[in-house]
Amino acid sequence: MPGKKKGQPKTGWREKGSPNKVTRTAKELVTDLVSAGMAKAMQKLEEIEDPKEYLETLAKFISYVVPKKTESETTAALPVMQTEVRILPSEAKIASSEKEVSL
């Protein structure tokens, strides 16, 4: 049977998880295009005088950089912790393991 035997290490080809040449080239091209357009985009953003329009445009740019929050459901039951607080009068005695303390 052709191919490697089960349990033998991988030989040849590219390493698992590394991008292939086409993916790497495409990412480099997009990075170069974005880098070249950033100066022009910043200049256009500075030309906007209306504060509302400026913020709306800035928000559109931010959506490409900061991921949007999504709602997720959790099905795991969280433990409930209860705390009991007792308010004692100022003259009450508190017993400790070594001695009694008077407030």
C-alpha atoms as a PDB file:
ATOM      1  CA  MET A   1       0.000   0.000   0.000  1.00  0.00           C
ATOM      2  CA  PRO A   2       1.381   3.451  -0.876  1.00  0.00           C
ATOM      3  CA  GLY A   3       1.804   6.155   1.760  1.00  0.00           C
ATOM      4  CA  LYS A   4       3.230   6.172   5.232  1.00  0.00           C
ATOM      5  CA  LYS A   5       2.463   3.628   7.875  1.00  0.00           C
ATOM      6  CA  LYS A   6       0.284   4.604  10.807  1.00  0.00           C
ATOM      7  CA  GLY A   7       2.298   6.184  13.623  1.00  0.00           C
ATOM      8  CA  GLN A   8       5.193   7.254  11.380  1.00  0.00           C
ATOM      9  CA  PRO A   9       6.230  10.954  11.399  1.00  0.00           C
ATOM     10  CA  LYS A  10       5.158  13.186   8.529  1.00  0.00           C
ATOM     11  CA  THR A  11       7.823  13.760   5.890  1.00  0.00           C
ATOM     12  CA  GLY A  12       7.919  16.288   3.067  1.00  0.00           C
ATOM     13  CA  TRP A  13       5.268  18.858   2.157  1.00  0.00           C
ATOM     14  CA  ARG A  14       4.632  21.854   4.355  1.00  0.00           C
ATOM     15  CA  GLU A  15       4.302  21.824   8.130  1.00  0.00           C
ATOM     16  CA  LYS A  16       0.844  21.468   9.626  1.00  0.00           C
ATOM     17  CA  GLY A  17      -0.743  24.894  10.289  1.00  0.00           C
ATOM     18  CA  SER A  18       1.556  26.901   8.046  1.00  0.00           C
ATOM     19  CA  PRO A  19      -0.163  28.859   5.239  1.00  0.00           C
ATOM     20  CA  ASN A  20       0.409  27.797   1.684  1.00  0.00           C
ATOM     21  CA  LYS A  21       2.127  30.109  -0.829  1.00  0.00           C
ATOM     22  CA  VAL A  22      -1.098  31.455  -2.335  1.00  0.00           C
ATOM     23  CA  THR A  23      -2.558  32.359   1.077  1.00  0.00           C
ATOM     24  CA  ARG A  24       0.690  33.980   2.181  1.00  0.00           C
ATOM     25  CA  THR A  25       0.937  36.007  -1.052  1.00  0.00           C
ATOM     26  CA  ALA A  26      -2.696  37.129  -0.832  1.00  0.00           C
ATOM     27  CA  LYS A  27      -2.274  38.250   2.790  1.00  0.00           C
ATOM     28  CA  GLU A  28       0.879  40.191   1.918  1.00  0.00           C
ATOM     29  CA  LEU A  29      -0.917  41.912  -0.973  1.00  0.00           C
ATOM     30  CA  VAL A  30      -3.869  42.943   1.202  1.00  0.00           C
ATOM     31  CA  THR A  31      -1.520  44.186   3.930  1.00  0.00           C
ATOM     32  CA  ASP A  32       0.391  46.305   1.410  1.00  0.00           C
ATOM     33  CA  LEU A  33      -2.838  47.780   0.001  1.00  0.00           C
ATOM     34  CA  VAL A  34      -4.173  48.656   3.444  1.00  0.00           C
ATOM     35  CA  SER A  35      -0.865  50.166   4.539  1.00  0.00           C
ATOM     36  CA  ALA A  36      -0.703  52.328   1.425  1.00  0.00           C
ATOM     37  CA  GLY A  37      -4.268  53.552   1.875  1.00  0.00           C
ATOM     38  CA  MET A  38      -3.969  54.414   5.585  1.00  0.00           C
ATOM     39  CA  ALA A  39      -2.322  57.802   5.040  1.00  0.00           C
ATOM     40  CA  LYS A  40      -5.016  58.822   2.563  1.00  0.00           C
ATOM     41  CA  ALA A  41      -7.794  57.546   4.849  1.00  0.00           C
ATOM     42  CA  MET A  42      -6.403  59.484   7.824  1.00  0.00           C
ATOM     43  CA  GLN A  43      -6.180  62.642   5.704  1.00  0.00           C
ATOM     44  CA  LYS A  44      -9.811  62.268   4.590  1.00  0.00           C
ATOM     45  CA  LEU A  45     -10.915  61.629   8.183  1.00  0.00           C
ATOM     46  CA  GLU A  46      -9.197  64.839   9.357  1.00  0.00           C
ATOM     47  CA  GLU A  47     -11.039  66.825   6.638  1.00  0.00           C
ATOM     48  CA  ILE A  48     -14.456  65.976   8.141  1.00  0.00           C
ATOM     49  CA  GLU A  49     -15.683  69.020  10.079  1.00  0.00           C
ATOM     50  CA  ASP A  50     -19.082  67.808  11.332  1.00  0.00           C
ATOM     51  CA  PRO A  51     -18.534  65.999  14.669  1.00  0.00           C
ATOM     52  CA  LYS A  52     -21.455  63.618  14.101  1.00  0.00           C
ATOM     53  CA  GLU A  53     -20.230  62.596  10.649  1.00  0.00           C
ATOM     54  CA  TYR A  54     -16.675  62.255  11.995  1.00  0.00           C
ATOM     55  CA  LEU A  55     -17.776  59.870  14.765  1.00  0.00           C
ATOM     56  CA  GLU A  56     -19.987  57.835  12.403  1.00  0.00           C
ATOM     57  CA  THR A  57     -17.079  57.419   9.970  1.00  0.00           C
ATOM     58  CA  LEU A  58     -14.710  56.526  12.801  1.00  0.00           C
ATOM     59  CA  ALA A  59     -17.193  53.919  14.085  1.00  0.00           C
ATOM     60  CA  LYS A  60     -17.269  52.300  10.643  1.00  0.00           C
ATOM     61  CA  PHE A  61     -13.471  51.997  10.662  1.00  0.00           C
ATOM     62  CA  ILE A  62     -13.435  50.608  14.205  1.00  0.00           C
ATOM     63  CA  SER A  63     -15.775  47.773  13.227  1.00  0.00           C
ATOM     64  CA  TYR A  64     -12.991  46.394  11.014  1.00  0.00           C
ATOM     65  CA  VAL A  65     -10.445  46.447  13.836  1.00  0.00           C
ATOM     66  CA  VAL A  66     -12.355  45.616  17.023  1.00  0.00           C
ATOM     67  CA  PRO A  67     -14.490  42.461  16.925  1.00  0.00           C
ATOM     68  CA  LYS A  68     -18.189  42.868  17.654  1.00  0.00           C
ATOM     69  CA  LYS A  69     -19.563  41.321  20.824  1.00  0.00           C
ATOM     70  CA  THR A  70     -21.931  38.423  20.369  1.00  0.00           C
ATOM     71  CA  GLU A  71     -24.380  36.989  22.823  1.00  0.00           C
ATOM     72  CA  SER A  72     -23.695  33.468  23.934  1.00  0.00           C
ATOM     73  CA  GLU A  73     -25.739  31.118  26.025  1.00  0.00           C
ATOM     74  CA  THR A  74     -24.186  29.225  28.887  1.00  0.00           C
ATOM     75  CA  THR A  75     -25.747  25.988  29.880  1.00  0.00           C
ATOM     76  CA  ALA A  76     -23.461  25.239  32.818  1.00  0.00           C
ATOM     77  CA  ALA A  77     -25.060  25.702  36.217  1.00  0.00           C
ATOM     78  CA  LEU A  78     -23.109  28.089  38.402  1.00  0.00           C
ATOM     79  CA  PRO A  79     -22.846  27.338  42.122  1.00  0.00           C
ATOM     80  CA  VAL A  80     -24.835  29.591  44.435  1.00  0.00           C
ATOM     81  CA  MET A  81     -22.930  30.988  47.366  1.00  0.00           C
ATOM     82  CA  GLN A  82     -24.715  32.339  50.427  1.00  0.00           C
ATOM     83  CA  THR A  83     -23.193  34.626  53.002  1.00  0.00           C
ATOM     84  CA  GLU A  84     -24.677  35.320  56.402  1.00  0.00           C
ATOM     85  CA  VAL A  85     -23.933  38.616  58.115  1.00  0.00           C
ATOM     86  CA  ARG A  86     -24.813  39.147  61.763  1.00  0.00           C
ATOM     87  CA  ILE A  87     -24.686  42.579  63.345  1.00  0.00           C
ATOM     88  CA  LEU A  88     -23.875  42.331  67.040  1.00  0.00           C
ATOM     89  CA  PRO A  89     -24.462  44.975  69.691  1.00  0.00           C
ATOM     90  CA  SER A  90     -21.364  46.926  70.664  1.00  0.00           C
ATOM     91  CA  GLU A  91     -21.123  45.230  74.069  1.00  0.00           C
ATOM     92  CA  ALA A  92     -21.397  41.683  72.733  1.00  0.00           C
ATOM     93  CA  LYS A  93     -18.621  39.192  73.300  1.00  0.00           C
ATOM     94  CA  ILE A  94     -17.163  37.264  70.394  1.00  0.00           C
ATOM     95  CA  ALA A  95     -15.688  33.877  71.196  1.00  0.00           C
ATOM     96  CA  SER A  96     -12.545  32.911  69.383  1.00  0.00           C
ATOM     97  CA  SER A  97     -10.573  29.706  69.526  1.00  0.00           C
ATOM     98  CA  GLU A  98      -7.957  31.194  71.870  1.00  0.00           C
ATOM     99  CA  LYS A  99      -9.750  33.864  73.940  1.00  0.00           C
ATOM    100  CA  GLU A 100     -12.896  35.926  74.181  1.00  0.00           C
ATOM    101  CA  VAL A 101     -12.800  39.402  72.752  1.00  0.00           C
ATOM    102  CA  SER A 102     -15.048  42.195  73.982  1.00  0.00           C
ATOM    103  CA  LEU A 103     -16.072  44.949  71.588  1.00  0.00           C
END
